[in-house]
Amino acid sequence: MGNFTLRTVLSVVVASATLGLAYPATEAPTPTAAAAPCTTGEPVVTAGYTINYAPAIPTVGFKAGYQPEPAWAGDHVVGTYTFGVPLPVESGFAYAQFKCQYYCNGGPDAGSFFVNYAGAGSQVGSYCTCFDELLEPESFVSMNQTLVGAWNHICK
């Protein structure tokens, strides 16, 4: 092996750096995924379960329940699931919403989710739907089920 001096090492390093600047990289950087839509708010504790999303509340007061407008929902759904609702129904439904948030968090587009109770005697329990956009207050329509929950992702 030959003798290496500091001057020799530095000249090799400078030459390598110069070549790196002279020839641009052949591959473009991979674009990063856009962040999921989000809103301001604080997590909510319901029946002892923390929902780390902000409530999405309709501007109109629906007496018999509400749901996302079906055409909008069809355009923005990114996942669906069902969760049982153990008794008593009120705390069981809170648990179903709690589970739904974790199901929806599994996708990169988790902007919001909606849960509705399937009704007494149902083998399903509840329906969980995840969306890639926020549920806006004016985006709800009437539905014949009063035990529902609509939630928007909170910005971190």
N, C-alpha and C. Protein backbone atom coordinates (compact mmCIF):
# COMPACT_ATOMS: atom_id res chain seq x y z
N MET A 1 0.84 -1.17 0.00
CA MET A 1 0.00 0.00 0.00
C MET A 1 0.88 1.23 0.00
N GLY A 2 0.43 2.26 -0.65
CA GLY A 2 1.19 3.49 -0.73
C GLY A 2 0.97 4.36 0.48
N ASN A 3 1.72 5.41 0.52
CA ASN A 3 1.57 6.38 1.61
C ASN A 3 0.46 7.36 1.27
N PHE A 4 -0.39 7.61 2.23
CA PHE A 4 -1.46 8.59 2.05
C PHE A 4 -1.18 9.78 2.95
N THR A 5 -1.22 10.92 2.36
CA THR A 5 -1.07 12.14 3.14
C THR A 5 -2.42 12.81 3.24
N LEU A 6 -2.51 13.75 4.14
CA LEU A 6 -3.75 14.50 4.28
C LEU A 6 -4.09 15.20 2.97
N ARG A 7 -3.08 15.68 2.29
CA ARG A 7 -3.30 16.37 1.03
C ARG A 7 -3.87 15.42 -0.01
N THR A 8 -3.40 14.18 -0.08
CA THR A 8 -3.91 13.20 -1.04
C THR A 8 -5.37 12.86 -0.74
N VAL A 9 -5.68 12.62 0.52
CA VAL A 9 -7.05 12.27 0.92
C VAL A 9 -8.00 13.42 0.59
N LEU A 10 -7.62 14.65 0.92
CA LEU A 10 -8.47 15.80 0.65
C LEU A 10 -8.69 16.00 -0.84
N SER A 11 -7.68 15.77 -1.66
CA SER A 11 -7.86 15.95 -3.10
C SER A 11 -8.84 14.91 -3.66
N VAL A 12 -8.82 13.69 -3.14
CA VAL A 12 -9.77 12.66 -3.58
C VAL A 12 -11.19 13.04 -3.16
N VAL A 13 -11.33 13.53 -1.92
CA VAL A 13 -12.65 13.92 -1.43
C VAL A 13 -13.21 15.07 -2.24
N VAL A 14 -12.39 16.10 -2.52
CA VAL A 14 -12.85 17.26 -3.29
C VAL A 14 -13.22 16.84 -4.71
N ALA A 15 -12.43 15.97 -5.32
CA ALA A 15 -12.72 15.51 -6.68
C ALA A 15 -14.04 14.73 -6.71
N SER A 16 -14.28 13.90 -5.72
CA SER A 16 -15.53 13.13 -5.66
C SER A 16 -16.72 14.05 -5.48
N ALA A 17 -16.58 15.03 -4.61
CA ALA A 17 -17.67 15.97 -4.37
C ALA A 17 -17.97 16.78 -5.61
N THR A 18 -16.93 17.18 -6.35
CA THR A 18 -17.11 17.95 -7.58
C THR A 18 -17.85 17.12 -8.61
N LEU A 19 -17.50 15.86 -8.77
CA LEU A 19 -18.20 14.99 -9.72
C LEU A 19 -19.66 14.81 -9.32
N GLY A 20 -19.92 14.70 -8.04
CA GLY A 20 -21.30 14.55 -7.57
C GLY A 20 -22.14 15.75 -7.89
N LEU A 21 -21.55 16.95 -7.84
CA LEU A 21 -22.28 18.17 -8.17
C LEU A 21 -22.44 18.33 -9.67
N ALA A 22 -21.48 17.84 -10.43
CA ALA A 22 -21.52 17.99 -11.87
C ALA A 22 -22.56 17.09 -12.52
N TYR A 23 -22.84 15.95 -11.95
CA TYR A 23 -23.79 15.01 -12.52
C TYR A 23 -24.98 14.85 -11.58
N PRO A 24 -26.15 15.36 -11.99
CA PRO A 24 -27.32 15.27 -11.11
C PRO A 24 -27.78 13.82 -10.94
N ALA A 25 -28.50 13.59 -9.89
CA ALA A 25 -29.04 12.25 -9.62
C ALA A 25 -29.96 11.85 -10.77
N THR A 26 -29.97 10.56 -11.11
CA THR A 26 -30.78 10.09 -12.22
C THR A 26 -32.23 9.86 -11.82
N GLU A 27 -32.50 9.68 -10.54
CA GLU A 27 -33.87 9.43 -10.09
C GLU A 27 -34.42 10.64 -9.36
N ALA A 28 -35.67 10.96 -9.65
CA ALA A 28 -36.33 12.04 -8.93
C ALA A 28 -36.74 11.53 -7.56
N PRO A 29 -36.76 12.41 -6.56
CA PRO A 29 -37.18 11.96 -5.23
C PRO A 29 -38.64 11.51 -5.25
N THR A 30 -38.94 10.55 -4.42
CA THR A 30 -40.30 10.05 -4.31
C THR A 30 -41.16 11.08 -3.60
N PRO A 31 -42.31 11.44 -4.20
CA PRO A 31 -43.17 12.41 -3.52
C PRO A 31 -43.72 11.83 -2.22
N THR A 32 -43.89 12.69 -1.24
CA THR A 32 -44.45 12.23 0.03
C THR A 32 -45.96 12.29 -0.04
N ALA A 33 -46.60 11.41 0.72
CA ALA A 33 -48.06 11.37 0.75
C ALA A 33 -48.60 12.62 1.44
N ALA A 34 -49.71 13.12 0.95
CA ALA A 34 -50.35 14.28 1.57
C ALA A 34 -50.92 13.87 2.92
N ALA A 35 -50.90 14.78 3.84
CA ALA A 35 -51.44 14.50 5.17
C ALA A 35 -52.96 14.36 5.09
N ALA A 36 -53.49 13.55 5.96
CA ALA A 36 -54.94 13.38 6.02
C ALA A 36 -55.58 14.70 6.43
N PRO A 37 -56.78 14.98 5.92
CA PRO A 37 -57.46 16.20 6.33
C PRO A 37 -57.70 16.19 7.84
N CYS A 38 -57.69 17.36 8.44
CA CYS A 38 -57.88 17.41 9.89
C CYS A 38 -58.52 18.72 10.32
N THR A 39 -58.94 18.77 11.56
CA THR A 39 -59.60 19.94 12.12
C THR A 39 -59.04 20.22 13.51
N THR A 40 -59.48 21.29 14.10
CA THR A 40 -59.10 21.58 15.48
C THR A 40 -60.10 20.92 16.41
N GLY A 41 -59.73 20.77 17.64
CA GLY A 41 -60.63 20.17 18.62
C GLY A 41 -59.87 19.37 19.63
N GLU A 42 -60.59 18.84 20.55
CA GLU A 42 -60.02 18.04 21.63
C GLU A 42 -60.66 16.65 21.62
N PRO A 43 -59.91 15.63 22.02
CA PRO A 43 -60.49 14.29 22.15
C PRO A 43 -61.68 14.32 23.13
N VAL A 44 -62.59 13.39 22.96
CA VAL A 44 -63.80 13.32 23.78
C VAL A 44 -63.83 11.98 24.50
N VAL A 45 -64.19 12.00 25.77
CA VAL A 45 -64.36 10.76 26.52
C VAL A 45 -65.86 10.49 26.61
N THR A 46 -66.27 9.34 26.12
CA THR A 46 -67.67 8.95 26.15
C THR A 46 -67.78 7.56 26.76
N ALA A 47 -68.53 7.45 27.83
CA ALA A 47 -68.71 6.20 28.57
C ALA A 47 -67.36 5.57 28.94
N GLY A 48 -66.37 6.42 29.22
CA GLY A 48 -65.06 5.93 29.64
C GLY A 48 -64.09 5.64 28.51
N TYR A 49 -64.52 5.78 27.26
CA TYR A 49 -63.66 5.52 26.10
C TYR A 49 -63.25 6.83 25.46
N THR A 50 -61.96 7.01 25.23
CA THR A 50 -61.46 8.25 24.62
C THR A 50 -61.52 8.13 23.11
N ILE A 51 -62.23 9.07 22.50
CA ILE A 51 -62.28 9.18 21.04
C ILE A 51 -61.33 10.32 20.69
N ASN A 52 -60.26 10.02 19.99
CA ASN A 52 -59.23 11.01 19.65
C ASN A 52 -59.56 11.75 18.36
N TYR A 53 -60.81 12.01 18.15
CA TYR A 53 -61.33 12.77 17.02
C TYR A 53 -62.28 13.82 17.58
N ALA A 54 -62.54 14.88 16.82
CA ALA A 54 -63.48 15.91 17.23
C ALA A 54 -64.88 15.54 16.71
N PRO A 55 -65.92 15.78 17.50
CA PRO A 55 -67.27 15.50 17.02
C PRO A 55 -67.59 16.33 15.78
N ALA A 56 -68.24 15.70 14.81
CA ALA A 56 -68.75 16.39 13.62
C ALA A 56 -70.26 16.51 13.83
N ILE A 57 -70.71 17.72 14.07
CA ILE A 57 -72.10 17.93 14.45
C ILE A 57 -72.84 18.62 13.31
N PRO A 58 -74.00 18.09 12.92
CA PRO A 58 -74.78 18.71 11.83
C PRO A 58 -75.26 20.11 12.21
N THR A 59 -75.40 20.97 11.19
CA THR A 59 -75.95 22.30 11.43
C THR A 59 -77.45 22.23 11.67
N VAL A 60 -78.10 21.24 11.11
CA VAL A 60 -79.55 21.05 11.27
C VAL A 60 -79.78 20.04 12.37
N GLY A 61 -80.77 20.30 13.22
CA GLY A 61 -81.12 19.34 14.26
C GLY A 61 -82.07 18.27 13.72
N PHE A 62 -81.59 17.06 13.58
CA PHE A 62 -82.41 15.97 13.07
C PHE A 62 -83.04 15.22 14.24
N LYS A 63 -84.36 15.09 14.24
CA LYS A 63 -85.06 14.44 15.35
C LYS A 63 -84.92 12.93 15.32
N ALA A 64 -84.82 12.35 14.14
CA ALA A 64 -84.78 10.89 14.03
C ALA A 64 -83.40 10.37 13.65
N GLY A 65 -82.36 11.18 13.84
CA GLY A 65 -81.02 10.74 13.51
C GLY A 65 -80.52 11.32 12.20
N TYR A 66 -79.26 11.08 11.91
CA TYR A 66 -78.64 11.62 10.70
C TYR A 66 -77.55 10.69 10.21
N GLN A 67 -77.12 10.94 8.98
CA GLN A 67 -76.05 10.19 8.35
C GLN A 67 -75.38 11.09 7.31
N PRO A 68 -74.16 10.74 6.87
CA PRO A 68 -73.56 11.52 5.78
C PRO A 68 -74.42 11.37 4.52
N GLU A 69 -74.49 12.41 3.74
CA GLU A 69 -75.25 12.38 2.49
C GLU A 69 -74.72 11.23 1.65
N PRO A 70 -75.59 10.32 1.17
CA PRO A 70 -75.13 9.09 0.50
C PRO A 70 -74.20 9.29 -0.70
N ALA A 71 -74.45 10.27 -1.55
CA ALA A 71 -73.57 10.48 -2.72
C ALA A 71 -72.18 10.91 -2.25
N TRP A 72 -72.12 11.82 -1.28
CA TRP A 72 -70.84 12.24 -0.73
C TRP A 72 -70.12 11.05 -0.11
N ALA A 73 -70.85 10.28 0.69
CA ALA A 73 -70.26 9.11 1.36
C ALA A 73 -69.69 8.13 0.33
N GLY A 74 -70.42 7.88 -0.73
CA GLY A 74 -69.94 6.97 -1.77
C GLY A 74 -68.65 7.43 -2.43
N ASP A 75 -68.51 8.75 -2.57
CA ASP A 75 -67.31 9.30 -3.19
C ASP A 75 -66.09 9.28 -2.26
N HIS A 76 -66.32 9.25 -0.94
CA HIS A 76 -65.21 9.43 0.00
C HIS A 76 -64.95 8.24 0.93
N VAL A 77 -65.72 7.17 0.82
CA VAL A 77 -65.50 6.02 1.70
C VAL A 77 -64.17 5.35 1.37
N VAL A 78 -63.40 5.03 2.42
CA VAL A 78 -62.13 4.32 2.24
C VAL A 78 -62.09 3.02 3.04
N GLY A 79 -63.15 2.73 3.79
CA GLY A 79 -63.20 1.48 4.53
C GLY A 79 -64.48 1.36 5.32
N THR A 80 -64.92 0.13 5.49
CA THR A 80 -66.11 -0.14 6.30
C THR A 80 -65.85 -1.37 7.17
N TYR A 81 -66.54 -1.43 8.28
CA TYR A 81 -66.40 -2.57 9.17
C TYR A 81 -67.63 -2.61 10.07
N THR A 82 -67.83 -3.71 10.74
CA THR A 82 -68.90 -3.80 11.73
C THR A 82 -68.29 -4.17 13.07
N PHE A 83 -68.88 -3.62 14.12
CA PHE A 83 -68.45 -3.92 15.48
C PHE A 83 -69.67 -4.26 16.31
N GLY A 84 -69.53 -5.25 17.16
CA GLY A 84 -70.60 -5.59 18.07
C GLY A 84 -70.85 -4.45 19.06
N VAL A 85 -72.04 -4.44 19.63
CA VAL A 85 -72.41 -3.45 20.63
C VAL A 85 -72.86 -4.21 21.87
N PRO A 86 -71.94 -4.40 22.83
CA PRO A 86 -72.32 -5.12 24.05
C PRO A 86 -73.29 -4.30 24.91
N LEU A 87 -74.01 -5.00 25.77
CA LEU A 87 -74.96 -4.33 26.66
C LEU A 87 -74.23 -3.74 27.85
N PRO A 88 -74.71 -2.66 28.41
CA PRO A 88 -75.83 -1.85 27.95
C PRO A 88 -75.47 -1.11 26.66
N VAL A 89 -76.47 -0.87 25.84
CA VAL A 89 -76.26 -0.33 24.51
C VAL A 89 -75.50 1.00 24.53
N GLU A 90 -75.81 1.88 25.46
CA GLU A 90 -75.16 3.20 25.47
C GLU A 90 -73.64 3.08 25.60
N SER A 91 -73.17 2.31 26.56
CA SER A 91 -71.72 2.15 26.69
C SER A 91 -71.17 1.20 25.63
N GLY A 92 -71.96 0.25 25.20
CA GLY A 92 -71.54 -0.65 24.13
C GLY A 92 -71.33 0.10 22.82
N PHE A 93 -72.20 1.08 22.55
CA PHE A 93 -72.05 1.88 21.34
C PHE A 93 -70.82 2.78 21.44
N ALA A 94 -70.55 3.31 22.64
CA ALA A 94 -69.33 4.10 22.85
C ALA A 94 -68.09 3.24 22.55
N TYR A 95 -68.13 1.99 22.97
CA TYR A 95 -67.02 1.07 22.70
C TYR A 95 -66.89 0.82 21.20
N ALA A 96 -68.01 0.69 20.49
CA ALA A 96 -67.97 0.47 19.04
C ALA A 96 -67.33 1.67 18.34
N GLN A 97 -67.63 2.88 18.79
CA GLN A 97 -67.02 4.08 18.20
C GLN A 97 -65.51 4.11 18.49
N PHE A 98 -65.16 3.73 19.71
CA PHE A 98 -63.76 3.66 20.12
C PHE A 98 -63.00 2.69 19.20
N LYS A 99 -63.58 1.52 18.92
CA LYS A 99 -62.94 0.53 18.05
C LYS A 99 -62.88 1.04 16.60
N CYS A 100 -63.93 1.71 16.17
CA CYS A 100 -63.97 2.22 14.80
C CYS A 100 -62.84 3.21 14.55
N GLN A 101 -62.56 4.09 15.52
CA GLN A 101 -61.49 5.06 15.31
C GLN A 101 -60.16 4.36 15.04
N TYR A 102 -59.89 3.26 15.72
CA TYR A 102 -58.63 2.54 15.50
C TYR A 102 -58.62 1.80 14.17
N TYR A 103 -59.77 1.31 13.76
CA TYR A 103 -59.87 0.68 12.45
C TYR A 103 -59.57 1.72 11.36
N CYS A 104 -60.19 2.90 11.48
CA CYS A 104 -60.00 3.94 10.47
C CYS A 104 -58.59 4.54 10.51
N ASN A 105 -57.96 4.58 11.66
CA ASN A 105 -56.60 5.10 11.78
C ASN A 105 -55.61 4.24 10.99
N GLY A 106 -55.97 3.03 10.66
CA GLY A 106 -55.07 2.13 9.95
C GLY A 106 -54.81 2.55 8.52
N GLY A 107 -55.64 3.42 7.95
CA GLY A 107 -55.44 3.87 6.58
C GLY A 107 -54.80 5.24 6.53
N PRO A 108 -54.10 5.54 5.44
CA PRO A 108 -53.42 6.83 5.34
C PRO A 108 -54.36 8.01 5.12
N ASP A 109 -55.58 7.75 4.70
CA ASP A 109 -56.50 8.82 4.37
C ASP A 109 -57.56 9.08 5.43
N ALA A 110 -57.31 8.68 6.66
CA ALA A 110 -58.33 8.77 7.70
C ALA A 110 -58.67 10.21 8.04
N GLY A 111 -59.67 10.76 7.36
CA GLY A 111 -60.11 12.12 7.63
C GLY A 111 -61.24 12.16 8.64
N SER A 112 -62.10 11.15 8.60
CA SER A 112 -63.26 11.12 9.50
C SER A 112 -63.84 9.72 9.53
N PHE A 113 -64.77 9.53 10.48
CA PHE A 113 -65.51 8.26 10.49
C PHE A 113 -66.90 8.49 11.04
N PHE A 114 -67.79 7.56 10.69
CA PHE A 114 -69.19 7.63 11.09
C PHE A 114 -69.59 6.24 11.58
N VAL A 115 -70.29 6.20 12.70
CA VAL A 115 -70.75 4.93 13.27
C VAL A 115 -72.26 5.05 13.51
N ASN A 116 -72.99 4.02 13.12
CA ASN A 116 -74.41 4.00 13.46
C ASN A 116 -74.80 2.63 14.01
N TYR A 117 -75.67 2.67 14.98
CA TYR A 117 -76.17 1.47 15.64
C TYR A 117 -77.07 0.72 14.68
N ALA A 118 -76.91 -0.59 14.59
CA ALA A 118 -77.69 -1.39 13.65
C ALA A 118 -79.10 -1.68 14.17
N GLY A 119 -79.34 -1.46 15.45
CA GLY A 119 -80.68 -1.68 16.00
C GLY A 119 -80.73 -2.89 16.91
N ALA A 120 -81.70 -2.86 17.81
CA ALA A 120 -81.89 -3.97 18.75
C ALA A 120 -82.16 -5.27 17.99
N GLY A 121 -81.57 -6.34 18.44
CA GLY A 121 -81.78 -7.64 17.81
C GLY A 121 -80.91 -7.89 16.59
N SER A 122 -80.14 -6.91 16.16
CA SER A 122 -79.29 -7.09 14.99
C SER A 122 -78.09 -7.96 15.35
N GLN A 123 -77.69 -8.80 14.44
CA GLN A 123 -76.49 -9.62 14.63
C GLN A 123 -75.21 -8.81 14.36
N VAL A 124 -75.36 -7.63 13.75
CA VAL A 124 -74.22 -6.81 13.37
C VAL A 124 -73.73 -5.95 14.52
N GLY A 125 -74.61 -5.24 15.18
CA GLY A 125 -74.23 -4.32 16.25
C GLY A 125 -74.15 -2.90 15.77
N SER A 126 -73.05 -2.58 15.03
CA SER A 126 -72.90 -1.22 14.50
C SER A 126 -72.14 -1.26 13.19
N TYR A 127 -72.34 -0.20 12.41
CA TYR A 127 -71.64 -0.04 11.15
C TYR A 127 -70.63 1.09 11.28
N CYS A 128 -69.40 0.83 10.90
CA CYS A 128 -68.30 1.80 10.95
C CYS A 128 -67.89 2.12 9.52
N THR A 129 -67.86 3.41 9.19
CA THR A 129 -67.45 3.84 7.85
C THR A 129 -66.37 4.89 7.97
N CYS A 130 -65.25 4.69 7.27
CA CYS A 130 -64.12 5.62 7.28
C CYS A 130 -64.14 6.43 5.99
N PHE A 131 -63.81 7.73 6.11
CA PHE A 131 -63.82 8.62 4.96
C PHE A 131 -62.47 9.31 4.80
N ASP A 132 -62.16 9.71 3.56
CA ASP A 132 -60.90 10.40 3.28
C ASP A 132 -61.00 11.92 3.41
N GLU A 133 -62.16 12.41 3.75
CA GLU A 133 -62.39 13.85 3.93
C GLU A 133 -63.09 14.08 5.26
N LEU A 134 -63.10 15.33 5.69
CA LEU A 134 -63.81 15.68 6.92
C LEU A 134 -65.32 15.66 6.68
N LEU A 135 -66.06 15.30 7.70
CA LEU A 135 -67.53 15.40 7.67
C LEU A 135 -67.89 16.84 8.02
N GLU A 136 -68.39 17.56 7.04
CA GLU A 136 -68.77 18.96 7.25
C GLU A 136 -70.17 19.02 7.86
N PRO A 137 -70.44 20.03 8.69
CA PRO A 137 -71.74 20.12 9.37
C PRO A 137 -72.94 20.10 8.42
N GLU A 138 -72.78 20.64 7.22
CA GLU A 138 -73.89 20.67 6.26
C GLU A 138 -73.98 19.42 5.39
N SER A 139 -73.10 18.45 5.60
CA SER A 139 -73.06 17.26 4.74
C SER A 139 -73.93 16.10 5.24
N PHE A 140 -74.78 16.35 6.22
CA PHE A 140 -75.61 15.28 6.79
C PHE A 140 -77.05 15.38 6.29
N VAL A 141 -77.70 14.23 6.23
CA VAL A 141 -79.12 14.14 5.89
C VAL A 141 -79.82 13.29 6.95
N SER A 142 -81.11 13.33 6.96
CA SER A 142 -81.92 12.60 7.93
C SER A 142 -81.77 11.09 7.76
N MET A 143 -81.87 10.39 8.90
CA MET A 143 -81.79 8.93 8.90
C MET A 143 -82.62 8.44 10.08
N ASN A 144 -83.19 7.28 9.97
CA ASN A 144 -84.05 6.76 11.02
C ASN A 144 -83.24 5.94 12.03
N GLN A 145 -82.24 6.56 12.64
CA GLN A 145 -81.45 5.93 13.70
C GLN A 145 -80.83 7.04 14.54
N THR A 146 -81.21 7.10 15.80
CA THR A 146 -80.74 8.20 16.64
C THR A 146 -79.41 7.91 17.33
N LEU A 147 -78.97 6.69 17.36
CA LEU A 147 -77.70 6.34 18.01
C LEU A 147 -76.60 6.32 16.95
N VAL A 148 -75.99 7.49 16.73
CA VAL A 148 -74.97 7.66 15.70
C VAL A 148 -73.80 8.47 16.28
N GLY A 149 -72.68 8.40 15.61
CA GLY A 149 -71.52 9.21 15.98
C GLY A 149 -70.75 9.59 14.74
N ALA A 150 -70.45 10.89 14.60
CA ALA A 150 -69.69 11.40 13.46
C ALA A 150 -68.46 12.11 14.02
N TRP A 151 -67.27 11.79 13.47
CA TRP A 151 -66.02 12.25 14.06
C TRP A 151 -65.03 12.68 13.00
N ASN A 152 -64.33 13.79 13.25
CA ASN A 152 -63.31 14.32 12.34
C ASN A 152 -61.93 14.22 12.98
N HIS A 153 -60.94 13.89 12.15
CA HIS A 153 -59.55 13.76 12.57
C HIS A 153 -59.04 15.10 13.12
N ILE A 154 -58.38 15.08 14.27
CA ILE A 154 -57.80 16.27 14.88
C ILE A 154 -56.36 16.42 14.40
N CYS A 155 -55.99 17.64 13.97
CA CYS A 155 -54.62 17.91 13.56
C CYS A 155 -53.67 17.71 14.73
N LYS A 156 -52.53 17.16 14.47
CA LYS A 156 -51.53 16.92 15.52
C LYS A 156 -50.60 18.10 15.62
